[in-house]
């Protein structure tokens, strides 16, 4: 029964954060949506921040699963990196909580939201860095600064997906893959 209440609270809080953002979500709202008393929330979570942290941790884990779903052992690092980044960005574009947090950050610059978005970026960076280090070990790519390479790869991908579209027709997934391979990845090839 307690697990059902905790899940109901998490589901309600996720819905509230996704609809209203971090700043506008209150524990009273969460309690009403979860159909529990406000005190019940505090038996599982110390405060709104702890509840939010649990939801964000779950979201990050889901994002990593989405990236892992794109990886096929028989394919090259380049193909897997492209598809993993594509899945991560699609997840971010479609996940209601990510959309709302990005919007809240742009409109209000809420410190807690900024921290979460930085945490998400850091987790993505670490994930891609690990994949680069594995590719270096397998000698699929040459030795490089894996953290810097991950950072540049992510930023290039984001720029091609979001930045380019502001003034140009969107690039297809295949076009993005070709551009990244041509301008970036071939420089890492053995």
N, C-alpha and C. Protein backbone atom coordinates (compact mmCIF):
# COMPACT_ATOMS: atom_id res chain seq x y z
N UNK A 1 0.83 -1.20 0.00
CA UNK A 1 0.00 0.00 0.00
C UNK A 1 0.87 1.26 0.00
N UNK A 2 1.95 1.25 0.80
CA UNK A 2 2.82 2.43 0.87
C UNK A 2 3.50 2.68 -0.47
N UNK A 3 3.86 1.61 -1.16
CA UNK A 3 4.51 1.76 -2.46
C UNK A 3 3.53 2.37 -3.45
N UNK A 4 2.25 1.95 -3.38
CA UNK A 4 1.24 2.51 -4.26
C UNK A 4 1.07 4.01 -4.00
N UNK A 5 1.09 4.41 -2.74
CA UNK A 5 0.98 5.84 -2.42
C UNK A 5 2.19 6.61 -2.92
N UNK A 6 3.38 6.04 -2.72
CA UNK A 6 4.58 6.71 -3.19
C UNK A 6 4.54 6.87 -4.70
N UNK A 7 4.14 5.82 -5.41
CA UNK A 7 4.04 5.90 -6.86
C UNK A 7 2.99 6.93 -7.26
N UNK A 8 1.88 6.95 -6.58
CA UNK A 8 0.83 7.93 -6.88
C UNK A 8 1.35 9.35 -6.68
N UNK A 9 2.13 9.55 -5.64
CA UNK A 9 2.71 10.87 -5.37
C UNK A 9 3.69 11.26 -6.47
N UNK A 10 4.55 10.32 -6.85
CA UNK A 10 5.53 10.59 -7.90
C UNK A 10 4.83 10.88 -9.22
N UNK A 11 3.82 10.08 -9.55
CA UNK A 11 3.07 10.31 -10.80
C UNK A 11 2.38 11.67 -10.78
N UNK A 12 1.77 12.00 -9.66
CA UNK A 12 1.07 13.29 -9.54
C UNK A 12 2.05 14.45 -9.62
N UNK A 13 3.17 14.31 -8.95
CA UNK A 13 4.19 15.38 -8.98
C UNK A 13 4.76 15.54 -10.38
N UNK A 14 5.00 14.43 -11.06
CA UNK A 14 5.51 14.49 -12.44
C UNK A 14 4.51 15.24 -13.31
N UNK A 15 3.25 14.92 -13.15
CA UNK A 15 2.20 15.60 -13.93
C UNK A 15 2.18 17.09 -13.60
N UNK A 16 2.25 17.43 -12.32
CA UNK A 16 2.21 18.84 -11.91
C UNK A 16 3.43 19.61 -12.42
N UNK A 17 4.62 19.03 -12.24
CA UNK A 17 5.84 19.69 -12.73
C UNK A 17 5.79 19.85 -14.26
N UNK A 18 5.23 18.86 -14.94
CA UNK A 18 5.15 18.90 -16.40
C UNK A 18 4.14 19.94 -16.89
N UNK A 19 3.08 20.13 -16.14
CA UNK A 19 2.05 21.09 -16.55
C UNK A 19 2.36 22.52 -16.09
N UNK A 20 2.81 22.65 -14.85
CA UNK A 20 2.94 23.98 -14.25
C UNK A 20 4.38 24.44 -14.05
N UNK A 21 5.33 23.52 -14.18
CA UNK A 21 6.72 23.87 -13.94
C UNK A 21 7.09 23.66 -12.48
N UNK A 22 8.36 23.85 -12.21
CA UNK A 22 8.86 23.63 -10.85
C UNK A 22 8.34 24.69 -9.89
N UNK A 23 8.48 25.94 -10.28
CA UNK A 23 8.16 27.04 -9.37
C UNK A 23 6.68 27.05 -8.98
N UNK A 24 5.80 26.77 -9.94
CA UNK A 24 4.36 26.86 -9.68
C UNK A 24 3.78 25.59 -9.04
N UNK A 25 4.54 24.53 -8.98
CA UNK A 25 4.04 23.30 -8.36
C UNK A 25 4.16 23.42 -6.84
N UNK A 26 3.08 23.08 -6.17
CA UNK A 26 3.08 23.09 -4.70
C UNK A 26 2.79 21.68 -4.20
N UNK A 27 3.15 21.45 -2.97
CA UNK A 27 2.87 20.14 -2.36
C UNK A 27 1.36 19.94 -2.21
N UNK A 28 0.62 21.03 -2.03
CA UNK A 28 -0.84 20.92 -1.97
C UNK A 28 -1.40 20.40 -3.29
N UNK A 29 -0.90 20.94 -4.41
CA UNK A 29 -1.33 20.46 -5.73
C UNK A 29 -1.03 18.98 -5.89
N UNK A 30 0.18 18.60 -5.54
CA UNK A 30 0.59 17.21 -5.68
C UNK A 30 -0.31 16.31 -4.83
N UNK A 31 -0.58 16.72 -3.63
CA UNK A 31 -1.45 15.93 -2.74
C UNK A 31 -2.84 15.76 -3.36
N UNK A 32 -3.39 16.84 -3.90
CA UNK A 32 -4.73 16.76 -4.53
C UNK A 32 -4.70 15.82 -5.73
N UNK A 33 -3.68 15.95 -6.57
CA UNK A 33 -3.58 15.09 -7.76
C UNK A 33 -3.37 13.63 -7.38
N UNK A 34 -2.63 13.39 -6.30
CA UNK A 34 -2.33 12.02 -5.86
C UNK A 34 -3.44 11.43 -5.00
N UNK A 35 -4.40 12.27 -4.64
CA UNK A 35 -5.50 11.85 -3.77
C UNK A 35 -5.01 11.34 -2.42
N UNK A 36 -4.03 12.09 -1.87
CA UNK A 36 -3.49 11.77 -0.55
C UNK A 36 -3.45 13.07 0.26
N UNK A 37 -3.30 12.94 1.54
CA UNK A 37 -3.11 14.11 2.38
C UNK A 37 -1.70 14.65 2.18
N UNK A 38 -1.54 15.94 2.38
CA UNK A 38 -0.23 16.57 2.20
C UNK A 38 0.82 15.91 3.11
N UNK A 39 0.41 15.55 4.32
CA UNK A 39 1.34 14.90 5.25
C UNK A 39 1.87 13.57 4.74
N UNK A 40 1.07 12.89 3.93
CA UNK A 40 1.50 11.61 3.36
C UNK A 40 2.73 11.80 2.47
N UNK A 41 2.77 12.90 1.75
CA UNK A 41 3.91 13.18 0.88
C UNK A 41 5.19 13.23 1.72
N UNK A 42 5.07 13.87 2.89
CA UNK A 42 6.25 14.06 3.74
C UNK A 42 6.71 12.77 4.42
N UNK A 43 5.91 11.71 4.36
CA UNK A 43 6.40 10.42 4.87
C UNK A 43 7.39 9.79 3.89
N UNK A 44 7.33 10.24 2.63
CA UNK A 44 8.23 9.70 1.59
C UNK A 44 9.32 10.68 1.18
N UNK A 45 9.01 11.96 1.23
CA UNK A 45 9.94 13.00 0.75
C UNK A 45 10.01 14.14 1.76
N UNK A 46 11.23 14.61 2.04
CA UNK A 46 11.42 15.70 3.01
C UNK A 46 10.78 16.99 2.53
N UNK A 47 10.89 17.24 1.22
CA UNK A 47 10.42 18.52 0.68
C UNK A 47 10.23 18.39 -0.84
N UNK A 48 9.82 19.48 -1.43
CA UNK A 48 9.57 19.52 -2.87
C UNK A 48 10.86 19.21 -3.65
N UNK A 49 11.97 19.70 -3.16
CA UNK A 49 13.25 19.50 -3.84
C UNK A 49 13.61 18.01 -3.93
N UNK A 50 13.39 17.28 -2.84
CA UNK A 50 13.71 15.85 -2.82
C UNK A 50 12.78 15.08 -3.77
N UNK A 51 11.52 15.45 -3.79
CA UNK A 51 10.55 14.84 -4.70
C UNK A 51 10.94 15.12 -6.15
N UNK A 52 11.28 16.35 -6.43
CA UNK A 52 11.71 16.76 -7.77
C UNK A 52 12.96 16.00 -8.18
N UNK A 53 13.90 15.85 -7.26
CA UNK A 53 15.15 15.13 -7.55
C UNK A 53 14.86 13.69 -7.94
N UNK A 54 13.96 13.04 -7.26
CA UNK A 54 13.61 11.65 -7.59
C UNK A 54 13.02 11.57 -9.00
N UNK A 55 12.17 12.50 -9.34
CA UNK A 55 11.55 12.51 -10.67
C UNK A 55 12.60 12.76 -11.74
N UNK A 56 13.50 13.69 -11.50
CA UNK A 56 14.55 14.01 -12.46
C UNK A 56 15.49 12.81 -12.63
N UNK A 57 15.83 12.14 -11.54
CA UNK A 57 16.70 10.96 -11.63
C UNK A 57 16.06 9.88 -12.50
N UNK A 58 14.77 9.69 -12.34
CA UNK A 58 14.04 8.72 -13.16
C UNK A 58 14.05 9.14 -14.63
N UNK A 59 13.84 10.43 -14.87
CA UNK A 59 13.84 10.94 -16.24
C UNK A 59 15.21 10.74 -16.90
N UNK A 60 16.28 11.00 -16.18
CA UNK A 60 17.64 10.81 -16.71
C UNK A 60 17.88 9.33 -17.02
N UNK A 61 17.43 8.46 -16.14
CA UNK A 61 17.58 7.02 -16.38
C UNK A 61 16.82 6.60 -17.64
N UNK A 62 15.63 7.15 -17.83
CA UNK A 62 14.84 6.86 -19.03
C UNK A 62 15.54 7.37 -20.28
N UNK A 63 16.17 8.53 -20.18
CA UNK A 63 16.90 9.10 -21.31
C UNK A 63 18.07 8.19 -21.69
N UNK A 64 18.78 7.67 -20.70
CA UNK A 64 19.90 6.76 -20.96
C UNK A 64 19.40 5.47 -21.60
N UNK A 65 18.28 4.97 -21.14
CA UNK A 65 17.71 3.76 -21.73
C UNK A 65 17.36 4.01 -23.20
N UNK A 66 16.81 5.17 -23.48
CA UNK A 66 16.48 5.54 -24.86
C UNK A 66 17.74 5.56 -25.72
N UNK A 67 18.83 6.10 -25.18
CA UNK A 67 20.10 6.12 -25.92
C UNK A 67 20.63 4.71 -26.11
N UNK A 68 20.58 3.89 -25.07
CA UNK A 68 21.07 2.51 -25.16
C UNK A 68 20.29 1.70 -26.18
N UNK A 69 19.00 2.00 -26.31
CA UNK A 69 18.17 1.29 -27.28
C UNK A 69 18.67 1.47 -28.71
N UNK A 70 19.40 2.53 -28.95
CA UNK A 70 19.90 2.83 -30.30
C UNK A 70 21.20 2.10 -30.61
N UNK A 71 21.84 1.55 -29.60
CA UNK A 71 23.17 0.97 -29.80
C UNK A 71 23.07 -0.48 -30.23
N UNK A 72 23.79 -0.79 -31.32
CA UNK A 72 23.86 -2.14 -31.86
C UNK A 72 25.34 -2.52 -31.91
N UNK A 73 25.70 -3.58 -31.22
CA UNK A 73 27.11 -3.97 -31.09
C UNK A 73 27.82 -4.14 -32.43
N UNK A 74 27.11 -4.62 -33.44
CA UNK A 74 27.74 -4.90 -34.73
C UNK A 74 28.03 -3.63 -35.54
N UNK A 75 27.48 -2.51 -35.14
CA UNK A 75 27.67 -1.28 -35.90
C UNK A 75 28.87 -0.50 -35.39
N UNK A 76 29.27 0.46 -36.19
CA UNK A 76 30.43 1.28 -35.84
C UNK A 76 30.09 2.27 -34.73
N UNK A 77 31.14 2.78 -34.12
CA UNK A 77 30.98 3.83 -33.11
C UNK A 77 30.20 5.01 -33.70
N UNK A 78 30.52 5.39 -34.93
CA UNK A 78 29.90 6.55 -35.55
C UNK A 78 28.39 6.38 -35.69
N UNK A 79 27.98 5.22 -36.17
CA UNK A 79 26.55 4.96 -36.33
C UNK A 79 25.84 4.95 -34.97
N UNK A 80 26.46 4.27 -34.01
CA UNK A 80 25.86 4.20 -32.67
C UNK A 80 25.81 5.56 -32.00
N UNK A 81 26.89 6.34 -32.13
CA UNK A 81 26.91 7.68 -31.51
C UNK A 81 25.81 8.54 -32.10
N UNK A 82 25.68 8.50 -33.41
CA UNK A 82 24.64 9.30 -34.08
C UNK A 82 23.24 8.90 -33.60
N UNK A 83 22.96 7.61 -33.60
CA UNK A 83 21.62 7.16 -33.21
C UNK A 83 21.34 7.40 -31.72
N UNK A 84 22.36 7.23 -30.89
CA UNK A 84 22.18 7.50 -29.45
C UNK A 84 21.89 8.98 -29.22
N UNK A 85 22.66 9.85 -29.87
CA UNK A 85 22.40 11.29 -29.73
C UNK A 85 21.03 11.66 -30.28
N UNK A 86 20.66 11.06 -31.38
CA UNK A 86 19.33 11.32 -31.95
C UNK A 86 18.24 10.94 -30.94
N UNK A 87 18.37 9.76 -30.33
CA UNK A 87 17.37 9.33 -29.35
C UNK A 87 17.33 10.24 -28.14
N UNK A 88 18.49 10.69 -27.68
CA UNK A 88 18.54 11.60 -26.54
C UNK A 88 17.82 12.91 -26.87
N UNK A 89 18.09 13.46 -28.03
CA UNK A 89 17.45 14.73 -28.40
C UNK A 89 15.96 14.56 -28.64
N UNK A 90 15.58 13.45 -29.24
CA UNK A 90 14.15 13.19 -29.43
C UNK A 90 13.45 13.06 -28.07
N UNK A 91 14.10 12.38 -27.14
CA UNK A 91 13.56 12.23 -25.80
C UNK A 91 13.34 13.62 -25.19
N UNK A 92 14.36 14.47 -25.30
CA UNK A 92 14.27 15.82 -24.73
C UNK A 92 13.18 16.64 -25.40
N UNK A 93 13.01 16.48 -26.71
CA UNK A 93 12.01 17.25 -27.45
C UNK A 93 10.59 16.79 -27.14
N UNK A 94 10.42 15.52 -26.76
CA UNK A 94 9.08 14.96 -26.59
C UNK A 94 8.67 14.76 -25.14
N UNK A 95 9.62 14.72 -24.23
CA UNK A 95 9.30 14.46 -22.82
C UNK A 95 8.70 15.73 -22.22
N UNK A 96 7.47 15.63 -21.75
CA UNK A 96 6.74 16.81 -21.27
C UNK A 96 7.46 17.56 -20.16
N UNK A 97 8.08 16.84 -19.24
CA UNK A 97 8.79 17.52 -18.15
C UNK A 97 9.98 18.30 -18.69
N UNK A 98 10.74 17.70 -19.60
CA UNK A 98 11.89 18.42 -20.18
C UNK A 98 11.43 19.67 -20.93
N UNK A 99 10.34 19.55 -21.65
CA UNK A 99 9.81 20.70 -22.40
C UNK A 99 9.45 21.82 -21.43
N UNK A 100 8.74 21.48 -20.37
CA UNK A 100 8.29 22.49 -19.40
C UNK A 100 9.48 23.10 -18.67
N UNK A 101 10.45 22.28 -18.28
CA UNK A 101 11.62 22.81 -17.57
C UNK A 101 12.43 23.75 -18.47
N UNK A 102 12.59 23.38 -19.72
CA UNK A 102 13.31 24.25 -20.66
C UNK A 102 12.58 25.57 -20.82
N UNK A 103 11.26 25.49 -20.94
CA UNK A 103 10.44 26.70 -21.06
C UNK A 103 10.55 27.56 -19.80
N UNK A 104 10.44 26.95 -18.64
CA UNK A 104 10.53 27.70 -17.38
C UNK A 104 11.90 28.35 -17.24
N UNK A 105 12.93 27.64 -17.62
CA UNK A 105 14.28 28.20 -17.53
C UNK A 105 14.41 29.42 -18.42
N UNK A 106 13.88 29.34 -19.64
CA UNK A 106 13.97 30.47 -20.57
C UNK A 106 13.15 31.67 -20.08
N UNK A 107 11.98 31.40 -19.53
CA UNK A 107 11.08 32.48 -19.12
C UNK A 107 11.43 33.08 -17.77
N UNK A 108 11.84 32.24 -16.81
CA UNK A 108 12.04 32.72 -15.45
C UNK A 108 13.43 32.51 -14.89
N UNK A 109 14.18 31.61 -15.48
CA UNK A 109 15.51 31.32 -14.96
C UNK A 109 15.51 30.79 -13.54
N UNK A 110 14.53 29.97 -13.21
CA UNK A 110 14.42 29.41 -11.86
C UNK A 110 15.70 28.64 -11.52
N UNK A 111 16.40 29.01 -10.42
CA UNK A 111 17.67 28.35 -10.08
C UNK A 111 17.59 26.83 -9.99
N UNK A 112 16.54 26.29 -9.38
CA UNK A 112 16.41 24.83 -9.25
C UNK A 112 16.29 24.18 -10.62
N UNK A 113 15.61 24.85 -11.54
CA UNK A 113 15.45 24.32 -12.89
C UNK A 113 16.77 24.41 -13.65
N UNK A 114 17.49 25.50 -13.47
CA UNK A 114 18.80 25.64 -14.11
C UNK A 114 19.72 24.51 -13.65
N UNK A 115 19.70 24.21 -12.35
CA UNK A 115 20.53 23.13 -11.81
C UNK A 115 20.17 21.79 -12.43
N UNK A 116 18.87 21.54 -12.59
CA UNK A 116 18.42 20.27 -13.17
C UNK A 116 18.86 20.17 -14.63
N UNK A 117 18.68 21.24 -15.38
CA UNK A 117 19.08 21.21 -16.79
C UNK A 117 20.59 21.02 -16.93
N UNK A 118 21.35 21.63 -16.03
CA UNK A 118 22.81 21.41 -16.02
C UNK A 118 23.13 19.96 -15.67
N UNK A 119 22.38 19.39 -14.75
CA UNK A 119 22.57 17.99 -14.37
C UNK A 119 22.27 17.07 -15.55
N UNK A 120 21.19 17.35 -16.27
CA UNK A 120 20.84 16.55 -17.45
C UNK A 120 21.97 16.63 -18.47
N UNK A 121 22.45 17.85 -18.74
CA UNK A 121 23.55 18.02 -19.70
C UNK A 121 24.80 17.27 -19.25
N UNK A 122 25.09 17.33 -17.97
CA UNK A 122 26.25 16.64 -17.43
C UNK A 122 26.12 15.13 -17.58
N UNK A 123 24.93 14.60 -17.34
CA UNK A 123 24.70 13.16 -17.49
C UNK A 123 24.85 12.73 -18.94
N UNK A 124 24.34 13.54 -19.86
CA UNK A 124 24.48 13.23 -21.29
C UNK A 124 25.96 13.25 -21.66
N UNK A 125 26.67 14.27 -21.19
CA UNK A 125 28.10 14.39 -21.48
C UNK A 125 28.85 13.17 -20.96
N UNK A 126 28.58 12.75 -19.74
CA UNK A 126 29.25 11.58 -19.16
C UNK A 126 28.93 10.31 -19.95
N UNK A 127 27.69 10.18 -20.37
CA UNK A 127 27.28 9.02 -21.14
C UNK A 127 28.05 8.94 -22.46
N UNK A 128 28.09 10.04 -23.20
CA UNK A 128 28.78 10.07 -24.49
C UNK A 128 30.29 9.90 -24.28
N UNK A 129 30.82 10.51 -23.23
CA UNK A 129 32.25 10.36 -22.91
C UNK A 129 32.61 8.90 -22.69
N UNK A 130 31.77 8.16 -21.96
CA UNK A 130 32.01 6.73 -21.73
C UNK A 130 32.02 5.96 -23.04
N UNK A 131 31.12 6.31 -23.95
CA UNK A 131 31.05 5.63 -25.24
C UNK A 131 32.30 5.94 -26.07
N UNK A 132 32.79 7.15 -25.99
CA UNK A 132 34.01 7.54 -26.70
C UNK A 132 35.21 6.77 -26.14
N UNK A 133 35.30 6.69 -24.82
CA UNK A 133 36.40 5.96 -24.19
C UNK A 133 36.38 4.48 -24.56
N UNK A 134 35.19 3.92 -24.65
CA UNK A 134 35.07 2.52 -25.08
C UNK A 134 35.53 2.36 -26.53
N UNK A 135 35.16 3.31 -27.39
CA UNK A 135 35.59 3.27 -28.79
C UNK A 135 37.11 3.42 -28.91
N UNK A 136 37.70 4.23 -28.04
CA UNK A 136 39.17 4.37 -28.03
C UNK A 136 39.81 3.05 -27.63
N UNK A 137 39.28 2.40 -26.59
CA UNK A 137 39.80 1.11 -26.14
C UNK A 137 39.73 0.06 -27.24
N UNK A 138 38.63 0.08 -27.98
CA UNK A 138 38.44 -0.88 -29.08
C UNK A 138 39.23 -0.47 -30.33
N UNK A 139 39.88 0.67 -30.26
CA UNK A 139 40.66 1.23 -31.36
C UNK A 139 39.80 1.53 -32.59
N UNK A 140 38.54 1.89 -32.32
CA UNK A 140 37.65 2.32 -33.40
C UNK A 140 37.94 3.78 -33.76
N UNK A 141 38.37 4.53 -32.76
CA UNK A 141 38.75 5.92 -32.98
C UNK A 141 40.10 6.15 -32.31
N UNK A 142 40.77 7.21 -32.73
CA UNK A 142 42.09 7.47 -32.18
C UNK A 142 41.97 8.13 -30.80
N UNK A 143 43.06 8.12 -30.08
CA UNK A 143 43.14 8.73 -28.74
C UNK A 143 42.76 10.21 -28.84
N UNK A 144 41.94 10.66 -27.90
CA UNK A 144 41.52 12.06 -27.88
C UNK A 144 41.08 12.41 -26.45
N UNK A 145 40.84 13.68 -26.22
CA UNK A 145 40.27 14.12 -24.95
C UNK A 145 38.78 13.75 -25.01
N UNK A 146 38.40 12.69 -24.34
CA UNK A 146 37.04 12.15 -24.46
C UNK A 146 35.97 13.12 -23.97
N UNK A 147 36.26 13.87 -22.92
CA UNK A 147 35.26 14.81 -22.40
C UNK A 147 35.05 15.96 -23.38
N UNK A 148 36.12 16.52 -23.89
CA UNK A 148 36.02 17.60 -24.86
C UNK A 148 35.35 17.11 -26.15
N UNK A 149 35.73 15.92 -26.59
CA UNK A 149 35.13 15.36 -27.79
C UNK A 149 33.64 15.13 -27.61
N UNK A 150 33.24 14.61 -26.46
CA UNK A 150 31.82 14.41 -26.17
C UNK A 150 31.08 15.74 -26.17
N UNK A 151 31.67 16.74 -25.54
CA UNK A 151 31.07 18.08 -25.49
C UNK A 151 30.86 18.62 -26.91
N UNK A 152 31.89 18.55 -27.73
CA UNK A 152 31.80 19.08 -29.10
C UNK A 152 30.79 18.30 -29.94
N UNK A 153 30.79 17.00 -29.78
CA UNK A 153 29.85 16.17 -30.53
C UNK A 153 28.41 16.50 -30.17
N UNK A 154 28.14 16.63 -28.88
CA UNK A 154 26.79 16.97 -28.42
C UNK A 154 26.38 18.36 -28.93
N UNK A 155 27.27 19.33 -28.77
CA UNK A 155 26.94 20.70 -29.19
C UNK A 155 26.73 20.78 -30.70
N UNK A 156 27.53 20.05 -31.46
CA UNK A 156 27.36 20.05 -32.91
C UNK A 156 26.01 19.44 -33.28
N UNK A 157 25.68 18.34 -32.64
CA UNK A 157 24.40 17.68 -32.92
C UNK A 157 23.23 18.60 -32.57
N UNK A 158 23.28 19.21 -31.40
CA UNK A 158 22.21 20.12 -30.97
C UNK A 158 22.09 21.30 -31.93
N UNK A 159 23.23 21.84 -32.35
CA UNK A 159 23.22 22.97 -33.28
C UNK A 159 22.59 22.58 -34.61
N UNK A 160 22.89 21.39 -35.10
CA UNK A 160 22.33 20.95 -36.37
C UNK A 160 20.83 20.66 -36.27
N UNK A 161 20.40 20.20 -35.12
CA UNK A 161 18.99 19.88 -34.94
C UNK A 161 18.17 21.14 -34.62
N UNK A 162 18.63 21.94 -33.66
CA UNK A 162 17.83 23.07 -33.21
C UNK A 162 18.26 24.40 -33.83
N UNK A 163 19.54 24.67 -33.86
CA UNK A 163 20.03 25.96 -34.34
C UNK A 163 19.81 26.16 -35.83
N UNK A 164 20.11 25.17 -36.61
CA UNK A 164 19.99 25.26 -38.07
C UNK A 164 18.54 25.54 -38.48
N UNK A 165 17.59 24.91 -37.78
CA UNK A 165 16.17 25.02 -38.13
C UNK A 165 15.61 26.43 -37.95
N UNK A 166 16.29 27.27 -37.22
CA UNK A 166 15.77 28.63 -37.00
C UNK A 166 15.70 29.42 -38.29
N UNK A 167 16.66 29.20 -39.22
CA UNK A 167 16.70 29.98 -40.45
C UNK A 167 16.74 29.13 -41.72
N UNK A 168 16.65 27.79 -41.55
CA UNK A 168 16.76 26.88 -42.69
C UNK A 168 15.76 25.75 -42.54
N UNK A 169 15.48 25.08 -43.65
CA UNK A 169 14.63 23.88 -43.51
C UNK A 169 15.34 22.85 -42.64
N UNK A 170 14.58 22.07 -41.85
CA UNK A 170 15.20 21.07 -40.98
C UNK A 170 16.00 20.04 -41.79
N UNK A 171 17.08 19.59 -41.19
CA UNK A 171 17.90 18.54 -41.80
C UNK A 171 17.32 17.18 -41.40
N UNK A 172 17.40 16.23 -42.31
CA UNK A 172 16.95 14.88 -41.97
C UNK A 172 18.00 14.22 -41.06
N UNK A 173 17.59 13.15 -40.44
CA UNK A 173 18.49 12.38 -39.59
C UNK A 173 19.72 11.93 -40.39
N UNK A 174 19.49 11.53 -41.62
CA UNK A 174 20.58 11.07 -42.48
C UNK A 174 21.53 12.22 -42.83
N UNK A 175 20.98 13.39 -43.14
CA UNK A 175 21.82 14.55 -43.46
C UNK A 175 22.69 14.95 -42.27
N UNK A 176 22.09 14.92 -41.09
CA UNK A 176 22.85 15.25 -39.88
C UNK A 176 23.99 14.25 -39.69
N UNK A 177 23.70 12.98 -39.91
CA UNK A 177 24.73 11.95 -39.77
C UNK A 177 25.87 12.19 -40.75
N UNK A 178 25.54 12.53 -41.97
CA UNK A 178 26.57 12.78 -42.99
C UNK A 178 27.42 14.00 -42.62
N UNK A 179 26.79 15.05 -42.15
CA UNK A 179 27.51 16.28 -41.79
C UNK A 179 28.46 16.01 -40.62
N UNK A 180 27.96 15.33 -39.59
CA UNK A 180 28.79 15.04 -38.43
C UNK A 180 29.96 14.14 -38.83
N UNK A 181 29.67 13.15 -39.65
CA UNK A 181 30.76 12.27 -40.09
C UNK A 181 31.78 13.04 -40.92
N UNK A 182 31.31 13.87 -41.84
CA UNK A 182 32.21 14.61 -42.72
C UNK A 182 33.05 15.63 -41.97
N UNK A 183 32.44 16.42 -41.11
CA UNK A 183 33.14 17.53 -40.47
C UNK A 183 33.78 17.20 -39.14
N UNK A 184 33.33 16.13 -38.51
CA UNK A 184 33.78 15.88 -37.15
C UNK A 184 34.40 14.49 -36.98
N UNK A 185 33.64 13.48 -37.27
CA UNK A 185 34.06 12.12 -36.92
C UNK A 185 35.20 11.60 -37.76
N UNK A 186 35.29 11.97 -39.01
CA UNK A 186 36.39 11.46 -39.84
C UNK A 186 37.75 11.90 -39.27
N UNK A 187 37.76 12.99 -38.56
CA UNK A 187 39.00 13.44 -37.92
C UNK A 187 39.42 12.54 -36.76
N UNK A 188 38.49 11.74 -36.24
CA UNK A 188 38.79 10.82 -35.15
C UNK A 188 39.14 9.42 -35.65
N UNK A 189 38.90 9.16 -36.93
CA UNK A 189 39.11 7.82 -37.48
C UNK A 189 40.56 7.39 -37.39
N UNK A 190 40.73 6.09 -37.19
CA UNK A 190 42.07 5.49 -37.21
C UNK A 190 42.51 5.27 -38.64
